[in-house]
Protein backbone atom coordinates (compact mmCIF):
# COMPACT_ATOMS: atom_id res chain seq x y z
CA UNK A 1 -106.68 -20.60 101.93
CA UNK A 2 -104.12 -23.17 100.98
CA UNK A 3 -103.80 -23.96 97.26
CA UNK A 4 -102.30 -27.05 95.68
CA UNK A 5 -101.69 -26.64 91.96
CA UNK A 6 -102.46 -29.58 89.74
CA UNK A 7 -101.24 -29.49 86.16
CA UNK A 8 -103.84 -30.39 83.55
CA UNK A 9 -103.72 -30.68 79.81
CA UNK A 10 -105.16 -27.20 79.29
CA UNK A 11 -104.04 -24.96 82.14
CA UNK A 12 -102.74 -25.05 85.69
CA UNK A 13 -105.67 -25.91 87.91
CA UNK A 14 -105.53 -24.99 91.55
CA UNK A 15 -107.43 -27.07 94.04
CA UNK A 16 -108.25 -24.55 96.76
CA UNK A 17 -109.04 -26.09 100.11
CA UNK A 18 -112.00 -24.65 101.94
CA UNK A 19 -114.35 -24.48 98.93
CA UNK A 20 -117.92 -24.67 100.21
CA UNK A 21 -119.13 -28.08 99.03
CA UNK A 22 -122.18 -30.05 99.97
CA UNK A 23 -120.79 -33.18 101.73
CA UNK A 24 -122.53 -35.59 99.34
CA UNK A 25 -120.85 -33.91 96.35
CA UNK A 26 -117.18 -34.06 97.29
CA UNK A 27 -116.15 -37.24 95.43
CA UNK A 28 -118.21 -36.50 92.30
CA UNK A 29 -116.97 -32.91 92.27
CA UNK A 30 -113.29 -33.94 92.21
CA UNK A 31 -113.88 -36.82 89.76
CA UNK A 32 -115.65 -34.53 87.27
CA UNK A 33 -113.72 -31.26 87.51
CA UNK A 34 -110.20 -32.55 88.09
CA UNK A 35 -110.39 -36.03 86.55
CA UNK A 36 -112.39 -35.07 83.44
CA UNK A 37 -115.04 -37.56 84.55
CA UNK A 38 -118.76 -37.85 83.98
CA UNK A 39 -121.38 -38.37 86.64
CA UNK A 40 -124.09 -40.97 86.08
CA UNK A 41 -127.17 -39.70 84.23
CA UNK A 42 -130.12 -38.57 86.36
CA UNK A 43 -128.07 -38.66 89.59
CA UNK A 44 -125.96 -35.48 89.61
CA UNK A 45 -125.97 -32.80 92.28
CA UNK A 46 -124.43 -29.35 92.01
CA UNK A 47 -121.50 -28.49 94.28
CA UNK A 48 -124.03 -26.87 96.62
CA UNK A 49 -126.20 -30.00 96.72
CA UNK A 50 -129.04 -29.17 94.31
CA UNK A 51 -130.38 -31.85 91.94
CA UNK A 52 -129.29 -31.90 88.29
CA UNK A 53 -132.84 -30.94 87.19
CA UNK A 54 -133.12 -27.84 89.41
CA UNK A 55 -135.77 -25.53 87.93
CA UNK A 56 -135.13 -22.36 89.96
CA UNK A 57 -134.24 -19.08 88.25
CA UNK A 58 -130.65 -17.97 88.55
CA UNK A 59 -127.12 -18.45 87.28
CA UNK A 60 -124.91 -21.52 87.21
CA UNK A 61 -121.30 -20.66 88.03
CA UNK A 62 -118.16 -22.79 87.95
CA UNK A 63 -117.89 -24.86 91.13
CA UNK A 64 -114.14 -24.18 91.23
CA UNK A 65 -113.57 -20.67 89.89
CA UNK A 66 -116.98 -19.06 90.39
CA UNK A 67 -117.09 -17.80 86.80
CA UNK A 68 -120.70 -17.29 85.58
CA UNK A 69 -121.28 -19.99 82.96
CA UNK A 70 -124.98 -20.57 82.21
CA UNK A 71 -128.28 -18.85 82.89
CA UNK A 72 -131.32 -20.85 83.94
CA UNK A 73 -133.12 -19.11 81.06
CA UNK A 74 -130.98 -21.12 78.57
CA UNK A 75 -131.53 -24.43 80.41
CA UNK A 76 -133.77 -27.05 78.80
CA UNK A 77 -134.81 -30.66 79.41
CA UNK A 78 -132.80 -32.68 76.90
CA UNK A 79 -133.92 -36.01 78.34
CA UNK A 80 -130.28 -37.03 78.86
CA UNK A 81 -130.13 -36.79 82.66
CA UNK A 82 -127.59 -33.95 82.79
CA UNK A 83 -128.14 -30.20 83.03
CA UNK A 84 -128.39 -28.98 79.42
CA UNK A 85 -128.14 -25.44 78.10
CA UNK A 86 -128.34 -24.05 74.57
CA UNK A 87 -125.74 -21.28 75.18
CA UNK A 88 -123.23 -20.08 77.78
CA UNK A 89 -123.67 -16.65 79.38
CA UNK A 90 -120.53 -15.49 77.57
CA UNK A 91 -118.60 -17.51 74.95
CA UNK A 92 -115.39 -16.22 76.54
CA UNK A 93 -116.23 -18.05 79.80
CA UNK A 94 -115.89 -21.51 78.24
CA UNK A 95 -113.25 -23.18 76.11
CA UNK A 96 -114.27 -25.86 73.61
CA UNK A 97 -111.67 -28.52 72.77
CA UNK A 98 -111.93 -31.61 70.56
CA UNK A 99 -112.03 -34.67 72.83
CA UNK A 100 -110.90 -37.99 71.30
CA UNK A 101 -110.71 -39.88 74.60
CA UNK A 102 -113.37 -42.29 73.32
CA UNK A 103 -112.01 -43.44 69.91
CA UNK A 104 -115.37 -44.22 68.29
CA UNK A 105 -117.10 -41.11 69.65
CA UNK A 106 -115.24 -37.83 69.05
CA UNK A 107 -116.80 -35.02 71.07
CA UNK A 108 -116.15 -31.42 72.02
CA UNK A 109 -115.17 -30.94 75.66
CA UNK A 110 -116.31 -27.81 77.53
CA UNK A 111 -113.81 -26.31 79.99
CA UNK A 112 -114.10 -23.43 82.46
CA UNK A 113 -111.98 -20.63 80.93
CA UNK A 114 -110.93 -19.28 84.34
CA UNK A 115 -109.87 -22.42 86.21
CA UNK A 116 -109.42 -25.03 83.47
CA UNK A 117 -111.92 -27.37 85.16
CA UNK A 118 -113.75 -29.95 83.05
CA UNK A 119 -117.46 -29.08 82.75
CA UNK A 120 -118.90 -31.52 80.20
CA UNK A 121 -119.39 -31.63 76.43
CA UNK A 122 -121.24 -29.70 73.71
CA UNK A 123 -123.21 -31.34 70.90
CA UNK A 124 -124.92 -30.04 67.75
CA UNK A 125 -128.36 -31.45 68.57
CA UNK A 126 -129.81 -28.68 70.76
CA UNK A 127 -132.80 -26.41 70.31
CA UNK A 128 -133.05 -23.01 68.62
CA UNK A 129 -131.66 -20.44 68.63
CA UNK A 130 -128.18 -22.04 68.68
CA UNK A 131 -128.73 -25.71 67.82
CA UNK A 132 -126.22 -26.50 70.59
CA UNK A 133 -126.63 -28.73 73.65
CA UNK A 134 -124.12 -27.96 76.38
CA UNK A 135 -124.38 -31.19 78.38
CA UNK A 136 -122.79 -30.21 81.68
CA UNK A 137 -122.04 -32.27 84.77
CA UNK A 138 -124.02 -30.94 87.73
CA UNK A 139 -120.98 -31.49 89.99
CA UNK A 140 -119.03 -28.89 87.97
CA UNK A 141 -121.63 -26.22 88.76
CA UNK A 142 -122.79 -24.15 91.69
CA UNK A 143 -126.21 -22.49 91.53
CA UNK A 144 -126.71 -18.82 92.41
CA UNK A 145 -130.41 -17.90 92.89
CA UNK A 146 -131.76 -14.97 90.84
CA UNK A 147 -131.61 -12.40 93.66
CA UNK A 148 -128.15 -13.39 94.94
CA UNK A 149 -125.10 -11.47 93.69
CA UNK A 150 -122.65 -13.45 91.57
CA UNK A 151 -119.38 -14.38 93.36
CA UNK A 152 -116.94 -13.40 90.57
CA UNK A 153 -116.81 -11.58 87.30
CA UNK A 154 -114.79 -12.78 84.33
CA UNK A 155 -111.05 -12.27 84.74
């Protein structure tokens, strides 16, 4: 694989060519993960082409680094049009950083701890037991079905 390193605000992020992406997801994937973008509500697809409201059992991993991020058991319908979770699999797998990119709407950005890729944002309006809503762009995720082994463990 050929890697081109792109410097981001938080860590060096390597764009590795040859990542298995669903063809319809390529532009959204780069816009979200590398450009800190947001996909339109109710339209997102995971890096492997599944809809944002996928209801299958399994694990959502980082589309870039493969780090396990969220379990389908913590996913809930927030009505926002983005995959929403009340907790990550492991707090060490995500980094939360204050995001003041929209002056009138300070938020907390969620970043993949392994690759530095932008995932989405976390809000304090989620369900029990955490009260958190991790509002994650589908394009930043890849879905691993319940019976499939996870691609990577935490570094």
